C-alpha atoms as a PDB file:
ATOM      1  CA  MET A   1       0.083   0.158  -0.064  1.00  0.00           C
ATOM      2  CA  GLU A   2       1.590   3.280  -1.129  1.00  0.00           C
ATOM      3  CA  GLY A   3       1.571   6.360   1.047  1.00  0.00           C
ATOM      4  CA  PHE A   4       3.809   8.483   2.879  1.00  0.00           C
ATOM      5  CA  THR A   5       4.810   7.553   6.313  1.00  0.00           C
ATOM      6  CA  SER A   6       4.120   9.929   9.361  1.00  0.00           C
ATOM      7  CA  LEU A   7       8.213  10.692   9.346  1.00  0.00           C
ATOM      8  CA  GLN A   8       7.912  11.596   5.721  1.00  0.00           C
ATOM      9  CA  ALA A   9       4.986  13.551   6.245  1.00  0.00           C
ATOM     10  CA  SER A  10       6.533  15.554   9.084  1.00  0.00           C
ATOM     11  CA  ARG A  11       9.420  15.986   7.142  1.00  0.00           C
ATOM     12  CA  PHE A  12       7.767  17.376   3.992  1.00  0.00           C
ATOM     13  CA  THR A  13       5.360  19.779   5.585  1.00  0.00           C
ATOM     14  CA  GLY A  14       7.366  21.068   8.929  1.00  0.00           C
ATOM     15  CA  THR A  15       4.945  19.519  11.208  1.00  0.00           C
ATOM     16  CA  THR A  16       5.662  17.269  14.277  1.00  0.00           C
ATOM     17  CA  GLY A  17       4.492  13.405  15.258  1.00  0.00           C
ATOM     18  CA  ASN A  18       2.884  15.122  17.792  1.00  0.00           C
ATOM     19  CA  GLN A  19       1.137  17.430  16.029  1.00  0.00           C
ATOM     20  CA  LEU A  20       0.079  14.812  13.604  1.00  0.00           C
ATOM     21  CA  ARG A  21      -1.190  12.243  16.080  1.00  0.00           C
ATOM     22  CA  TYR A  22      -3.210  14.989  17.770  1.00  0.00           C
ATOM     23  CA  TRP A  23      -4.824  16.318  14.738  1.00  0.00           C
ATOM     24  CA  ASP A  24      -5.695  12.861  13.528  1.00  0.00           C
ATOM     25  CA  LYS A  25      -7.479  12.099  16.853  1.00  0.00           C
ATOM     26  CA  ILE A  26      -9.477  15.334  16.720  1.00  0.00           C
ATOM     27  CA  GLY A  27     -10.491  14.743  12.939  1.00  0.00           C
ATOM     28  CA  LEU A  28      -8.714  17.657  11.616  1.00  0.00           C
ATOM     29  CA  VAL A  29      -6.433  15.891   9.043  1.00  0.00           C
ATOM     30  CA  LYS A  30      -6.944  12.193   8.874  1.00  0.00           C
ATOM     31  CA  PRO A  31      -4.507   9.983   6.973  1.00  0.00           C
ATOM     32  CA  GLY A  32      -6.603   8.863   3.893  1.00  0.00           C
ATOM     33  CA  VAL A  33      -4.175   5.868   3.096  1.00  0.00           C
ATOM     34  CA  GLN A  34      -4.168   4.284   6.001  1.00  0.00           C
ATOM     35  CA  ALA A  35      -5.405   5.011   9.361  1.00  0.00           C
ATOM     36  CA  THR A  36      -4.189   2.903  12.808  1.00  0.00           C
ATOM     37  CA  GLY A  37      -8.106   2.337  13.878  1.00  0.00           C
ATOM     38  CA  GLY A  38      -6.471   2.217  17.623  1.00  0.00           C
ATOM     39  CA  ARG A  39      -4.757  -0.644  16.370  1.00  0.00           C
ATOM     40  CA  PRO A  40      -0.989  -1.098  17.874  1.00  0.00           C
ATOM     41  CA  GLY A  41       1.537  -1.143  15.181  1.00  0.00           C
ATOM     42  CA  VAL A  42      -0.622   0.020  12.590  1.00  0.00           C
ATOM     43  CA  ARG A  43       1.473   2.987  10.645  1.00  0.00           C
ATOM     44  CA  ARG A  44      -0.446   6.242   9.439  1.00  0.00           C
ATOM     45  CA  LEU A  45      -0.052   6.623   5.718  1.00  0.00           C
ATOM     46  CA  TYR A  46      -0.719   9.854   4.419  1.00  0.00           C
ATOM     47  CA  SER A  47      -1.815  10.608   0.840  1.00  0.00           C
ATOM     48  CA  PHE A  48      -0.378  13.883  -1.120  1.00  0.00           C
ATOM     49  CA  ARG A  49      -3.478  15.682  -0.868  1.00  0.00           C
ATOM     50  CA  ASP A  50      -3.315  14.922   3.164  1.00  0.00           C
ATOM     51  CA  LEU A  51       0.257  16.918   2.718  1.00  0.00           C
ATOM     52  CA  ILE A  52      -1.102  19.493   1.513  1.00  0.00           C
ATOM     53  CA  ALA A  53      -4.001  19.671   3.972  1.00  0.00           C
ATOM     54  CA  LEU A  54      -1.206  19.168   6.600  1.00  0.00           C
ATOM     55  CA  LYS A  55       0.508  22.266   5.128  1.00  0.00           C
ATOM     56  CA  VAL A  56      -2.533  24.058   4.885  1.00  0.00           C
ATOM     57  CA  VAL A  57      -2.877  23.834   8.587  1.00  0.00           C
ATOM     58  CA  LYS A  58       0.313  24.301   9.875  1.00  0.00           C
ATOM     59  CA  SER A  59       0.678  27.378   7.488  1.00  0.00           C
ATOM     60  CA  LEU A  60      -2.709  28.852   9.108  1.00  0.00           C
ATOM     61  CA  LEU A  61      -1.655  27.893  13.175  1.00  0.00           C
ATOM     62  CA  ASP A  62       1.980  29.428  12.390  1.00  0.00           C
ATOM     63  CA  GLY A  63      -0.401  32.844  11.223  1.00  0.00           C
ATOM     64  CA  GLY A  64      -1.385  32.850  14.710  1.00  0.00           C
ATOM     65  CA  MET A  65      -4.856  31.212  14.091  1.00  0.00           C
ATOM     66  CA  SER A  66      -6.355  29.298  17.264  1.00  0.00           C
ATOM     67  CA  LEU A  67      -7.068  25.592  16.556  1.00  0.00           C
ATOM     68  CA  GLN A  68     -10.778  26.165  16.335  1.00  0.00           C
ATOM     69  CA  ARG A  69     -10.521  28.808  13.824  1.00  0.00           C
ATOM     70  CA  VAL A  70      -8.191  26.764  12.033  1.00  0.00           C
ATOM     71  CA  ARG A  71     -10.944  24.043  12.003  1.00  0.00           C
ATOM     72  CA  ARG A  72     -13.470  26.055  10.437  1.00  0.00           C
ATOM     73  CA  ALA A  73     -10.984  27.863   8.195  1.00  0.00           C
ATOM     74  CA  TYR A  74     -10.023  24.524   6.819  1.00  0.00           C
ATOM     75  CA  ALA A  75     -13.173  23.120   6.272  1.00  0.00           C
ATOM     76  CA  TRP A  76     -14.196  26.413   4.080  1.00  0.00           C
ATOM     77  CA  LEU A  77     -10.854  25.867   2.343  1.00  0.00           C
ATOM     78  CA  ARG A  78     -12.189  22.072   1.668  1.00  0.00           C
ATOM     79  CA  GLU A  79     -15.479  23.627   0.041  1.00  0.00           C
ATOM     80  CA  ASN A  80     -13.746  26.441  -1.775  1.00  0.00           C
ATOM     81  CA  VAL A  81     -10.350  26.182  -3.291  1.00  0.00           C
ATOM     82  CA  ASN A  82      -8.577  23.161  -4.826  1.00  0.00           C
ATOM     83  CA  LEU A  83      -6.191  21.594  -2.434  1.00  0.00           C
ATOM     84  CA  ASP A  84      -4.093  19.625  -5.095  1.00  0.00           C
ATOM     85  CA  ASP A  85      -1.838  22.439  -5.991  1.00  0.00           C
ATOM     86  CA  HIS A  86       1.697  22.250  -5.602  1.00  0.00           C
ATOM     87  CA  LEU A  87       3.179  22.713  -1.939  1.00  0.00           C
ATOM     88  CA  SER A  88       5.711  25.322  -3.102  1.00  0.00           C
ATOM     89  CA  SER A  89       2.992  27.281  -4.725  1.00  0.00           C
ATOM     90  CA  VAL A  90       0.765  27.676  -1.714  1.00  0.00           C
ATOM     91  CA  LYS A  91       0.530  30.731   0.054  1.00  0.00           C
ATOM     92  CA  LEU A  92      -1.808  31.810   2.970  1.00  0.00           C
ATOM     93  CA  VAL A  93      -2.905  35.245   4.358  1.00  0.00           C
ATOM     94  CA  THR A  94      -4.129  35.682   7.610  1.00  0.00           C
ATOM     95  CA  ASP A  95      -4.590  38.351  10.098  1.00  0.00           C
ATOM     96  CA  GLY A  96      -4.509  35.642  13.128  1.00  0.00           C
ATOM     97  CA  LYS A  97      -8.303  35.646  13.172  1.00  0.00           C
ATOM     98  CA  SER A  98      -9.527  34.798   9.760  1.00  0.00           C
ATOM     99  CA  ILE A  99      -8.726  33.028   6.736  1.00  0.00           C
ATOM    100  CA  PHE A 100      -8.890  35.479   3.553  1.00  0.00           C
ATOM    101  CA  LYS A 101      -7.210  33.748   0.446  1.00  0.00           C
ATOM    102  CA  ILE A 102      -5.062  31.487  -0.937  1.00  0.00           C
ATOM    103  CA  LEU A 103      -2.295  33.416  -3.357  1.00  0.00           C
ATOM    104  CA  LYS A 104      -0.341  31.839  -5.725  1.00  0.00           C
ATOM    105  CA  GLY A 105       1.409  34.249  -7.302  1.00  0.00           C
ATOM    106  CA  GLU A 106       1.585  38.607  -8.395  1.00  0.00           C
ATOM    107  CA  GLY A 107      -1.464  38.241 -10.435  1.00  0.00           C
ATOM    108  CA  GLU A 108      -3.863  37.154  -7.124  1.00  0.00           C
ATOM    109  CA  ILE A 109      -1.577  39.202  -4.708  1.00  0.00           C
ATOM    110  CA  LEU A 110      -2.855  42.288  -7.354  1.00  0.00           C
ATOM    111  CA  ASP A 111      -6.394  40.893  -7.340  1.00  0.00           C
ATOM    112  CA  ALA A 112      -6.325  40.795  -3.694  1.00  0.00           C
ATOM    113  CA  LEU A 113      -6.434  44.349  -3.351  1.00  0.00           C
ATOM    114  CA  ARG A 114      -9.722  44.396  -5.252  1.00  0.00           C
ATOM    115  CA  GLN A 115     -11.110  41.937  -2.875  1.00  0.00           C
ATOM    116  CA  ASP A 116     -13.538  42.644   0.009  1.00  0.00           C
ATOM    117  CA  GLU A 117     -12.444  40.271   2.655  1.00  0.00           C
ATOM    118  CA  PHE A 118      -9.069  41.749   2.040  1.00  0.00           C
ATOM    119  CA  ALA A 119     -10.204  44.958   3.910  1.00  0.00           C
ATOM    120  CA  PRO A 120      -8.817  44.162   7.254  1.00  0.00           C
ATOM    121  CA  ILE A 121      -5.055  43.331   6.072  1.00  0.00           C
ATOM    122  CA  ARG A 122      -5.446  45.472   2.976  1.00  0.00           C
ATOM    123  CA  ALA A 123      -2.098  47.767   4.510  1.00  0.00           C
ATOM    124  CA  ARG A 124      -0.302  44.402   4.964  1.00  0.00           C
ATOM    125  CA  VAL A 125      -0.939  43.310   1.530  1.00  0.00           C
ATOM    126  CA  LYS A 126       0.060  46.623  -0.095  1.00  0.00           C
ATOM    127  CA  ALA A 127       3.100  46.115   1.970  1.00  0.00           C
ATOM    128  CA  LEU A 128       4.254  43.003  -0.047  1.00  0.00           C
ATOM    129  CA  PHE A 129       4.738  45.968  -2.814  1.00  0.00           C
ATOM    130  CA  ASP A 130       7.271  47.824  -0.724  1.00  0.00           C
ATOM    131  CA  PRO A 131      11.237  47.343  -1.265  1.00  0.00           C
ATOM    132  CA  GLY A 132      12.310  44.244  -0.054  1.00  0.00           C
ATOM    133  CA  GLY A 133       8.677  42.770  -0.048  1.00  0.00           C
ATOM    134  CA  LEU A 134       7.379  39.692  -1.348  1.00  0.00           C
ATOM    135  CA  ALA A 135       6.139  40.982  -4.540  1.00  0.00           C
ATOM    136  CA  VAL A 136       9.720  42.533  -5.424  1.00  0.00           C
ATOM    137  CA  SER A 137      11.250  38.874  -4.646  1.00  0.00           C
ATOM    138  CA  LEU A 138       8.424  36.925  -6.775  1.00  0.00           C
ATOM    139  CA  VAL A 139       9.903  39.320  -9.706  1.00  0.00           C
ATOM    140  CA  ARG A 140      12.958  36.926  -9.455  1.00  0.00           C
ATOM    141  CA  ARG A 141      11.167  34.040 -10.241  1.00  0.00           C
ATOM    142  CA  VAL A 142       9.436  35.187 -13.372  1.00  0.00           C
ATOM    143  CA  ALA A 143      10.684  32.586 -16.056  1.00  0.00           C
ATOM    144  CA  THR A 144       9.681  34.303 -19.366  1.00  0.00           C
ATOM    145  CA  GLU A 145       9.508  37.619 -20.860  1.00  0.00           C
ATOM    146  CA  GLU A 146       5.861  36.961 -21.517  1.00  0.00           C
ATOM    147  CA  GLU A 147       5.322  36.234 -17.881  1.00  0.00           C
ATOM    148  CA  ALA A 148       6.973  39.507 -16.921  1.00  0.00           C
ATOM    149  CA  ARG A 149       4.915  41.673 -19.560  1.00  0.00           C
ATOM    150  CA  GLU A 150       1.436  40.110 -17.747  1.00  0.00           C
ATOM    151  CA  LEU A 151       2.851  41.033 -14.447  1.00  0.00           C
ATOM    152  CA  ALA A 152       3.578  44.642 -15.635  1.00  0.00           C
ATOM    153  CA  LEU A 153      -0.110  44.771 -17.406  1.00  0.00           C
ATOM    154  CA  ALA A 154      -1.402  43.357 -14.037  1.00  0.00           C
ATOM    155  CA  LEU A 155       0.612  46.491 -12.239  1.00  0.00           C
ATOM    156  CA  SER A 156      -0.741  48.858 -14.710  1.00  0.00           C
ATOM    157  CA  ARG A 157      -4.699  47.772 -13.521  1.00  0.00           C
ATOM    158  CA  ALA A 158      -4.232  47.139  -9.906  1.00  0.00           C
ATOM    159  CA  GLY A 159      -7.029  49.335  -8.267  1.00  0.00           C
ATOM    160  CA  GLY A 160      -5.877  50.943  -5.150  1.00  0.00           C
ATOM    161  CA  LEU A 161      -1.913  50.171  -5.447  1.00  0.00           C
ATOM    162  CA  GLU A 162      -0.067  53.636  -5.052  1.00  0.00           C
ATOM    163  CA  GLU A 163       1.901  54.655  -7.825  1.00  0.00           C
ATOM    164  CA  HIS A 164       5.021  54.185  -5.866  1.00  0.00           C
ATOM    165  CA  ARG A 165       4.406  50.746  -4.835  1.00  0.00           C
ATOM    166  CA  ARG A 166       3.663  49.970  -8.702  1.00  0.00           C
ATOM    167  CA  GLY A 167       7.028  51.774  -9.584  1.00  0.00           C
ATOM    168  CA  THR A 168       8.969  49.581  -7.398  1.00  0.00           C
ATOM    169  CA  VAL A 169       7.913  46.280  -8.846  1.00  0.00           C
ATOM    170  CA  ARG A 170       8.159  47.667 -12.460  1.00  0.00           C
ATOM    171  CA  GLU A 171      11.400  49.027 -11.837  1.00  0.00           C
ATOM    172  CA  ALA A 172      12.420  45.308 -10.844  1.00  0.00           C
ATOM    173  CA  LEU A 173      10.578  43.678 -13.747  1.00  0.00           C
ATOM    174  CA  PHE A 174      12.706  46.556 -16.273  1.00  0.00           C
ATOM    175  CA  MET A 175      15.997  45.554 -14.490  1.00  0.00           C
ATOM    176  CA  LYS A 176      15.426  41.723 -15.066  1.00  0.00           C
ATOM    177  CA  TYR A 177      13.955  42.234 -18.701  1.00  0.00           C
ATOM    178  CA  PRO A 178      15.117  45.730 -20.302  1.00  0.00           C
ATOM    179  CA  SER A 179      13.252  44.733 -23.215  1.00  0.00           C
ATOM    180  CA  LEU A 180       9.852  45.761 -21.421  1.00  0.00           C
ATOM    181  CA  ARG A 181      10.637  49.369 -21.729  1.00  0.00           C
ATOM    182  CA  ALA A 182      10.035  48.706 -25.494  1.00  0.00           C
ATOM    183  CA  PRO A 183       6.284  48.523 -26.757  1.00  0.00           C
ATOM    184  CA  ALA A 184       5.329  44.881 -26.713  1.00  0.00           C
ATOM    185  CA  ALA A 185       5.020  42.706 -29.743  1.00  0.00           C
ATOM    186  CA  ASN A 186       1.464  42.478 -31.187  1.00  0.00           C
ATOM    187  CA  PHE A 187       1.352  38.854 -30.085  1.00  0.00           C
ATOM    188  CA  LEU A 188      -1.080  36.334 -31.845  1.00  0.00           C
ATOM    189  CA  TYR A 189      -2.611  33.876 -29.155  1.00  0.00           C
ATOM    190  CA  ALA A 190      -3.705  30.031 -30.760  1.00  0.00           C
ATOM    191  CA  THR A 191      -4.188  26.742 -29.200  1.00  0.00           C
ATOM    192  CA  PRO A 192      -1.310  24.132 -29.816  1.00  0.00           C
ATOM    193  CA  GLY A 193      -3.242  22.333 -32.169  1.00  0.00           C
ATOM    194  CA  ALA A 194      -3.723  25.378 -34.606  1.00  0.00           C
ATOM    195  CA  ILE A 195      -0.096  26.161 -34.089  1.00  0.00           C
ATOM    196  CA  GLU A 196       0.664  22.711 -35.518  1.00  0.00           C
ATOM    197  CA  ALA A 197      -1.522  23.068 -38.462  1.00  0.00           C
ATOM    198  CA  ARG A 198      -0.001  26.273 -39.363  1.00  0.00           C
ATOM    199  CA  ARG A 199       3.511  25.159 -39.085  1.00  0.00           C
ATOM    200  CA  ASP A 200       2.532  22.139 -41.180  1.00  0.00           C
ATOM    201  CA  GLU A 201       1.056  24.119 -43.830  1.00  0.00           C
ATOM    202  CA  LEU A 202       4.201  26.315 -43.997  1.00  0.00           C
ATOM    203  CA  ALA A 203       6.395  23.689 -44.137  1.00  0.00           C
ATOM    204  CA  ARG A 204       3.984  22.017 -47.161  1.00  0.00           C
ATOM    205  CA  LEU A 205       4.491  25.741 -48.960  1.00  0.00           C
ATOM    206  CA  LYS A 206       8.252  25.583 -48.771  1.00  0.00           C
ATOM    207  CA  GLN A 207       9.070  22.345 -49.243  1.00  0.00           C
ATOM    208  CA  VAL A 208       6.416  20.841 -51.895  1.00  0.00           C
ATOM    209  CA  GLU A 209       4.344  24.051 -53.862  1.00  0.00           C
ATOM    210  CA  LEU A 210       6.998  26.830 -54.070  1.00  0.00           C
ATOM    211  CA  PRO A 211       9.748  23.881 -55.887  1.00  0.00           C
ATOM    212  CA  ALA A 212       6.770  22.665 -57.848  1.00  0.00           C
ATOM    213  CA  ASN A 213       6.123  26.189 -58.840  1.00  0.00           C
ATOM    214  CA  ALA A 214       9.445  26.592 -59.571  1.00  0.00           C
ATOM    215  CA  GLU A 215       9.234  23.725 -61.993  1.00  0.00           C
ATOM    216  CA  ALA A 216       5.895  25.439 -63.742  1.00  0.00           C
ATOM    217  CA  MET A 217       7.672  28.311 -64.484  1.00  0.00           C
ATOM    218  CA  LYS A 218      10.786  26.808 -65.813  1.00  0.00           C
ATOM    219  CA  ALA A 219       8.474  24.988 -68.451  1.00  0.00           C
ATOM    220  CA  ALA A 220       6.630  27.642 -69.273  1.00  0.00           C
ATOM    221  CA  LYS A 221       9.813  29.660 -70.141  1.00  0.00           C
ATOM    222  CA  GLU A 222      10.601  27.117 -72.660  1.00  0.00           C
ATOM    223  CA  HIS A 223       7.828  28.005 -74.471  1.00  0.00           C
ATOM    224  CA  GLY A 224       9.095  31.140 -75.994  1.00  0.00           C
ATOM    225  CA  ASP A 225       7.577  34.654 -75.782  1.00  0.00           C
ATOM    226  CA  LEU A 226       6.813  35.421 -72.336  1.00  0.00           C
ATOM    227  CA  SER A 227       4.726  38.385 -73.097  1.00  0.00           C
ATOM    228  CA  GLU A 228       1.974  36.191 -74.425  1.00  0.00           C
ATOM    229  CA  ASN A 229       2.769  33.097 -72.535  1.00  0.00           C
ATOM    230  CA  PHE A 230      -0.311  32.233 -70.109  1.00  0.00           C
ATOM    231  CA  GLU A 231       1.153  29.464 -68.649  1.00  0.00           C
ATOM    232  CA  TYR A 232       4.129  31.541 -67.486  1.00  0.00           C
ATOM    233  CA  HIS A 233       2.131  34.670 -65.945  1.00  0.00           C
ATOM    234  CA  ALA A 234       0.026  32.202 -64.234  1.00  0.00           C
ATOM    235  CA  ALA A 235       2.982  30.393 -62.853  1.00  0.00           C
ATOM    236  CA  ARG A 236       4.323  33.984 -61.823  1.00  0.00           C
ATOM    237  CA  GLN A 237       1.123  35.087 -60.442  1.00  0.00           C
ATOM    238  CA  LYS A 238       0.867  31.715 -58.166  1.00  0.00           C
ATOM    239  CA  HIS A 239       4.564  32.300 -56.910  1.00  0.00           C
ATOM    240  CA  GLU A 240       3.890  35.895 -55.809  1.00  0.00           C
ATOM    241  CA  TYR A 241       0.941  34.631 -53.775  1.00  0.00           C
ATOM    242  CA  LEU A 242       2.976  31.576 -52.443  1.00  0.00           C
ATOM    243  CA  SER A 243       5.608  33.952 -51.521  1.00  0.00           C
ATOM    244  CA  ALA A 244       3.065  36.414 -50.227  1.00  0.00           C
ATOM    245  CA  ARG A 245       1.750  33.614 -47.935  1.00  0.00           C
ATOM    246  CA  ILE A 246       5.276  32.281 -46.635  1.00  0.00           C
ATOM    247  CA  ALA A 247       6.476  35.438 -45.584  1.00  0.00           C
ATOM    248  CA  ALA A 248       3.011  35.846 -43.685  1.00  0.00           C
ATOM    249  CA  LEU A 249       2.735  32.535 -41.589  1.00  0.00           C
ATOM    250  CA  ALA A 250       6.479  33.138 -41.100  1.00  0.00           C
ATOM    251  CA  ASP A 251       5.668  36.711 -39.343  1.00  0.00           C
ATOM    252  CA  GLN A 252       2.881  35.185 -37.630  1.00  0.00           C
ATOM    253  CA  LEU A 253       4.479  31.901 -35.989  1.00  0.00           C
ATOM    254  CA  SER A 254       7.008  34.372 -34.810  1.00  0.00           C
ATOM    255  CA  ARG A 255       4.586  36.308 -33.081  1.00  0.00           C
ATOM    256  CA  THR A 256       2.602  33.130 -31.666  1.00  0.00           C
ATOM    257  CA  ARG A 257       2.077  32.145 -28.096  1.00  0.00           C
ATOM    258  CA  ALA A 258       0.277  28.879 -27.263  1.00  0.00           C
ATOM    259  CA  LEU A 259      -2.786  28.867 -24.716  1.00  0.00           C
ATOM    260  CA  ASP A 260      -1.972  26.575 -21.910  1.00  0.00           C
ATOM    261  CA  PRO A 261      -5.359  25.972 -20.301  1.00  0.00           C
ATOM    262  CA  SER A 262      -3.732  25.090 -16.737  1.00  0.00           C
ATOM    263  CA  ARG A 263      -2.212  28.641 -16.436  1.00  0.00           C
ATOM    264  CA  ILE A 264      -5.364  30.280 -17.830  1.00  0.00           C
ATOM    265  CA  ASP A 265      -6.342  33.382 -14.756  1.00  0.00           C
ATOM    266  CA  VAL A 266     -10.044  32.566 -14.788  1.00  0.00           C
ATOM    267  CA  SER A 267     -10.936  35.675 -12.684  1.00  0.00           C
ATOM    268  CA  GLU A 268     -11.945  37.273 -15.589  1.00  0.00           C
ATOM    269  CA  VAL A 269     -12.820  36.872 -19.516  1.00  0.00           C
ATOM    270  CA  ARG A 270      -9.582  36.751 -20.994  1.00  0.00           C
ATOM    271  CA  VAL A 271      -8.204  34.876 -24.072  1.00  0.00           C
ATOM    272  CA  GLY A 272      -8.392  31.060 -23.203  1.00  0.00           C
ATOM    273  CA  THR A 273     -11.683  31.379 -21.478  1.00  0.00           C
ATOM    274  CA  ARG A 274     -15.099  29.709 -21.506  1.00  0.00           C
ATOM    275  CA  VAL A 275     -17.718  31.666 -20.413  1.00  0.00           C
ATOM    276  CA  LEU A 276     -21.255  30.679 -19.838  1.00  0.00           C
ATOM    277  CA  LEU A 277     -23.914  33.351 -20.378  1.00  0.00           C
ATOM    278  CA  ARG A 278     -27.772  33.461 -18.972  1.00  0.00           C
ATOM    279  CA  THR A 279     -30.108  35.493 -21.162  1.00  0.00           C
ATOM    280  CA  ALA A 280     -33.904  35.235 -20.572  1.00  0.00           C
ATOM    281  CA  GLY A 281     -34.503  31.873 -20.303  1.00  0.00           C
ATOM    282  CA  ARG A 282     -31.538  30.239 -21.812  1.00  0.00           C
ATOM    283  CA  GLU A 283     -27.694  29.628 -20.973  1.00  0.00           C
ATOM    284  CA  THR A 284     -24.964  29.711 -24.251  1.00  0.00           C
ATOM    285  CA  ALA A 285     -21.470  28.991 -23.408  1.00  0.00           C
ATOM    286  CA  ALA A 286     -18.818  31.295 -25.826  1.00  0.00           C
ATOM    287  CA  THR A 287     -15.307  30.491 -26.000  1.00  0.00           C
ATOM    288  CA  ILE A 288     -12.646  32.823 -26.503  1.00  0.00           C
ATOM    289  CA  LEU A 289      -9.807  31.925 -28.731  1.00  0.00           C
ATOM    290  CA  GLY A 290      -7.540  33.303 -31.254  1.00  0.00           C
ATOM    291  CA  PRO A 291      -8.330  33.937 -34.823  1.00  0.00           C
ATOM    292  CA  TRP A 292      -7.152  30.691 -35.992  1.00  0.00           C
ATOM    293  CA  ASP A 293      -9.074  28.581 -33.930  1.00  0.00           C
ATOM    294  CA  SER A 294     -12.148  30.739 -34.629  1.00  0.00           C
ATOM    295  CA  ARG A 295     -15.402  29.002 -35.165  1.00  0.00           C
ATOM    296  CA  PRO A 296     -18.148  30.865 -34.543  1.00  0.00           C
ATOM    297  CA  GLU A 297     -20.972  28.423 -35.490  1.00  0.00           C
ATOM    298  CA  GLU A 298     -19.461  26.264 -32.838  1.00  0.00           C
ATOM    299  CA  GLY A 299     -19.725  29.260 -30.456  1.00  0.00           C
ATOM    300  CA  VAL A 300     -16.027  29.665 -30.420  1.00  0.00           C
ATOM    301  CA  TYR A 301     -15.126  33.325 -31.207  1.00  0.00           C
ATOM    302  CA  SER A 302     -11.405  35.151 -31.675  1.00  0.00           C
ATOM    303  CA  TYR A 303     -10.507  37.744 -29.518  1.00  0.00           C
ATOM    304  CA  GLU A 304     -10.397  40.114 -32.205  1.00  0.00           C
ATOM    305  CA  SER A 305     -13.821  39.944 -32.977  1.00  0.00           C
ATOM    306  CA  GLU A 306     -16.359  42.582 -31.912  1.00  0.00           C
ATOM    307  CA  PHE A 307     -18.280  40.359 -29.516  1.00  0.00           C
ATOM    308  CA  ALA A 308     -15.423  38.693 -27.680  1.00  0.00           C
ATOM    309  CA  ALA A 309     -13.377  42.004 -27.314  1.00  0.00           C
ATOM    310  CA  ALA A 310     -16.661  43.246 -25.648  1.00  0.00           C
ATOM    311  CA  LEU A 311     -16.332  40.325 -23.216  1.00  0.00           C
ATOM    312  CA  LEU A 312     -12.853  40.547 -22.342  1.00  0.00           C
ATOM    313  CA  GLY A 313     -12.143  42.054 -18.695  1.00  0.00           C
ATOM    314  CA  LYS A 314     -15.716  41.086 -17.690  1.00  0.00           C
ATOM    315  CA  ARG A 315     -16.275  39.161 -14.370  1.00  0.00           C
ATOM    316  CA  VAL A 316     -19.021  36.728 -13.196  1.00  0.00           C
ATOM    317  CA  GLY A 317     -22.130  38.483 -12.316  1.00  0.00           C
ATOM    318  CA  GLU A 318     -21.221  41.349 -14.940  1.00  0.00           C
ATOM    319  CA  SER A 319     -24.184  42.230 -17.344  1.00  0.00           C
ATOM    320  CA  VAL A 320     -22.829  41.806 -21.186  1.00  0.00           C
ATOM    321  CA  ARG A 321     -24.321  41.257 -24.718  1.00  0.00           C
ATOM    322  CA  SER A 322     -24.498  37.852 -25.979  1.00  0.00           C
ATOM    323  CA  ALA A 323     -23.374  37.064 -29.544  1.00  0.00           C
ATOM    324  CA  GLU A 324     -26.621  37.696 -31.102  1.00  0.00           C
ATOM    325  CA  GLY A 325     -26.872  41.068 -29.111  1.00  0.00           C
ATOM    326  CA  GLU A 326     -29.422  40.023 -26.198  1.00  0.00           C
ATOM    327  CA  PRO A 327     -28.517  41.681 -22.609  1.00  0.00           C
ATOM    328  CA  ALA A 328     -26.790  38.607 -20.949  1.00  0.00           C
ATOM    329  CA  VAL A 329     -24.937  38.150 -17.580  1.00  0.00           C
ATOM    330  CA  ILE A 330     -21.956  36.050 -17.158  1.00  0.00           C
ATOM    331  CA  VAL A 331     -22.599  32.979 -14.789  1.00  0.00           C
ATOM    332  CA  SER A 332     -19.014  31.404 -15.113  1.00  0.00           C
ATOM    333  CA  ILE A 333     -15.408  32.127 -16.419  1.00  0.00           C
ATOM    334  CA  THR A 334     -13.780  28.794 -17.073  1.00  0.00           C
ATOM    335  CA  PRO A 335     -10.511  27.529 -18.885  1.00  0.00           C
ATOM    336  CA  TRP A 336     -11.491  26.667 -22.608  1.00  0.00           C
ATOM    337  CA  ARG A 337     -11.002  22.910 -21.895  1.00  0.00           C
END
């Protein structure tokens, strides 16, 4: 039977053996793989989800919450938060009395400034953006320039955050990625499948159709006078079309960014989300993807379309218009798959 022993659970989560035994006894965190059942010689075996639960409980206790409040807070977390995330990404915000939210990264810290549940500790959340604060240290973990641009954009939209605090994190980003000071490229977002299809098309144009066209032009030239040579002019026009298509595809692919459903922020409508809309008497779904994936007849819209552009940035509960122009309300926002 596979599982983590009490010793392993203690080492991975920073808890003690006494804490594990007591939390098991009171039913706060019980081993999910194998419990002792009061039987001597039977080892407790914890699942990975149990380890996350232990980490969450310990974080709350370390934040100053009483055990009674921790039990209520953890019950809320089990109902409202996905606890299967990696332990290293879990951060809790507490004022010692209440559990407010789990923060995984810069975007959610920024979002916390707009959340009513953070009102009692908003000043402390803002302090995370001071020199030497958590937000500045998280800049070191930004792995790509694209992620850095997303954070810079989130900073510009952060309500309630003073300019000097924005500037602190922004300058840290600029130091790591100086190119951020230049205007952003006009990225084209697409699913991996759509990108692969365009790469296949580019390869076919360059390796099959363009060489075949060159042979056709060569054969047409052998017919004599080019001024009245219909075959040659037709081949020449096709050559110009193929060259233009190849150049356009190469440029678009150089600017393409693949959408990853596991990294889509669903706090608001954005590219890569599926939006459930409620109109009078019915619900309809609209998926927002890129122009290469657009299939309006199937409810998949390009973010460049007028309908999708009007949805971007909206949140659950906000009033919008459906694709047919009817008044609608956003019911839910999820990754497109």
